[in-house]
């Protein structure tokens, strides 16, 4: 089992920035890849960014020039640096950890982009 706790969300103005954190606990040795998703009200949960155990990253087209995913294995933490935020980035942001056949979600952190 892996437990994930996200933090770092909040209210930010357009073109502002935030850094989200996702701290893992439990069987962290078994985590292969970590992911960040977002879910806007009334919409499906969308994959934004992926980072593998070897540090390979992938991004959704909508965020690839604005968001950066990173991982600090020593701190069992994944990050999502979000720059140049837009109104449409308003959503709940979730962290996912993949451990072979299993996947674990965090509880989410709210990001609101508003002027």
Protein backbone atom coordinates (compact mmCIF):
# COMPACT_ATOMS: atom_id res chain seq x y z
CA UNK A 1 0.00 0.00 0.00
CA UNK A 2 1.05 3.53 -0.77
CA UNK A 3 -0.44 6.67 0.73
CA UNK A 4 -0.18 9.99 -1.10
CA UNK A 5 -0.77 13.48 0.25
CA UNK A 6 -0.87 16.44 -2.11
CA UNK A 7 -0.33 20.05 -1.07
CA UNK A 8 0.51 23.41 -2.55
CA UNK A 9 -2.77 24.32 -4.17
CA UNK A 10 -4.47 27.63 -3.70
CA UNK A 11 -5.73 30.78 -5.36
CA UNK A 12 -3.46 32.37 -7.94
CA UNK A 13 -3.86 35.08 -10.56
CA UNK A 14 -3.50 34.38 -14.27
CA UNK A 15 0.14 34.08 -15.45
CA UNK A 16 1.06 33.28 -11.85
CA UNK A 17 2.69 30.08 -10.64
CA UNK A 18 2.34 27.35 -8.04
CA UNK A 19 4.32 24.29 -7.06
CA UNK A 20 2.35 21.22 -6.01
CA UNK A 21 3.88 18.51 -3.86
CA UNK A 22 2.89 14.87 -3.46
CA UNK A 23 4.43 13.03 -0.52
CA UNK A 24 4.33 9.25 -0.59
CA UNK A 25 4.46 6.92 2.38
CA UNK A 26 4.07 3.20 2.93
CA UNK A 27 5.58 0.86 0.34
CA UNK A 28 7.40 3.65 -1.47
CA UNK A 29 10.13 1.28 -2.66
CA UNK A 30 7.57 -0.29 -4.99
CA UNK A 31 6.63 2.92 -6.79
CA UNK A 32 7.50 2.81 -10.47
CA UNK A 33 5.97 5.89 -12.07
CA UNK A 34 4.20 8.91 -10.68
CA UNK A 35 1.62 11.04 -12.41
CA UNK A 36 -0.23 14.31 -12.02
CA UNK A 37 -3.85 14.62 -13.12
CA UNK A 38 -6.34 17.45 -13.04
CA UNK A 39 -10.11 17.38 -12.87
CA UNK A 40 -12.13 20.49 -13.60
CA UNK A 41 -15.74 20.73 -12.39
CA UNK A 42 -18.03 18.58 -14.50
CA UNK A 43 -15.15 17.13 -16.53
CA UNK A 44 -13.14 13.93 -16.61
CA UNK A 45 -9.83 13.54 -14.86
CA UNK A 46 -7.04 14.34 -17.32
CA UNK A 47 -3.45 13.15 -17.29
CA UNK A 48 -1.05 16.09 -17.25
CA UNK A 49 2.41 14.74 -16.57
CA UNK A 50 4.31 11.50 -15.98
CA UNK A 51 7.69 10.72 -14.47
CA UNK A 52 9.19 7.23 -14.43
CA UNK A 53 11.60 5.66 -11.99
CA UNK A 54 14.42 6.67 -14.30
CA UNK A 55 13.33 10.27 -14.58
CA UNK A 56 11.77 10.09 -18.02
CA UNK A 57 8.97 12.60 -18.36
CA UNK A 58 5.96 13.11 -20.58
CA UNK A 59 3.42 15.91 -20.72
CA UNK A 60 0.01 16.60 -22.11
CA UNK A 61 0.13 19.02 -25.00
CA UNK A 62 -1.86 21.58 -23.03
CA UNK A 63 0.81 21.95 -20.35
CA UNK A 64 4.12 20.85 -21.87
CA UNK A 65 5.56 24.35 -22.13
CA UNK A 66 4.23 25.52 -18.77
CA UNK A 67 4.37 22.65 -16.27
CA UNK A 68 7.32 20.61 -15.07
CA UNK A 69 7.14 17.33 -13.18
CA UNK A 70 9.98 16.31 -10.90
CA UNK A 71 10.66 13.65 -8.31
CA UNK A 72 12.90 13.56 -5.24
CA UNK A 73 13.23 9.91 -4.28
CA UNK A 74 15.12 10.74 -1.09
CA UNK A 75 12.08 12.70 0.10
CA UNK A 76 9.53 10.32 -1.47
CA UNK A 77 8.01 13.38 -3.10
CA UNK A 78 6.84 14.30 -6.57
CA UNK A 79 6.37 17.89 -7.64
CA UNK A 80 4.46 19.75 -10.30
CA UNK A 81 5.78 23.21 -11.05
CA UNK A 82 3.05 25.15 -12.79
CA UNK A 83 3.93 28.40 -14.53
CA UNK A 84 1.93 30.85 -16.60
CA UNK A 85 -1.32 29.59 -15.12
CA UNK A 86 -4.53 30.17 -17.03
CA UNK A 87 -8.17 30.38 -16.00
CA UNK A 88 -8.74 26.96 -17.56
CA UNK A 89 -6.17 25.39 -15.24
CA UNK A 90 -8.67 25.73 -12.38
CA UNK A 91 -9.21 22.20 -11.15
CA UNK A 92 -8.49 19.70 -8.43
CA UNK A 93 -5.02 18.25 -8.96
CA UNK A 94 -4.33 14.64 -8.07
CA UNK A 95 -1.18 12.61 -7.71
CA UNK A 96 -1.07 8.94 -8.74
CA UNK A 97 1.60 6.38 -7.90
CA UNK A 98 1.94 3.21 -9.93
CA UNK A 99 3.39 0.08 -8.32
CA UNK A 100 3.33 -2.72 -10.86
CA UNK A 101 -0.28 -3.90 -11.01
CA UNK A 102 -1.59 -1.36 -8.53
CA UNK A 103 -2.15 2.36 -8.53
CA UNK A 104 -2.84 4.71 -5.65
CA UNK A 105 -4.44 8.16 -5.63
CA UNK A 106 -4.00 11.09 -3.34
CA UNK A 107 -6.94 13.14 -2.05
CA UNK A 108 -6.28 16.07 -4.38
CA UNK A 109 -5.47 19.73 -3.94
CA UNK A 110 -7.56 22.59 -5.32
CA UNK A 111 -6.01 25.09 -7.71
CA UNK A 112 -8.06 28.16 -8.57
CA UNK A 113 -6.87 30.66 -11.16
CA UNK A 114 -8.77 33.88 -10.84
CA UNK A 115 -8.22 37.60 -11.07
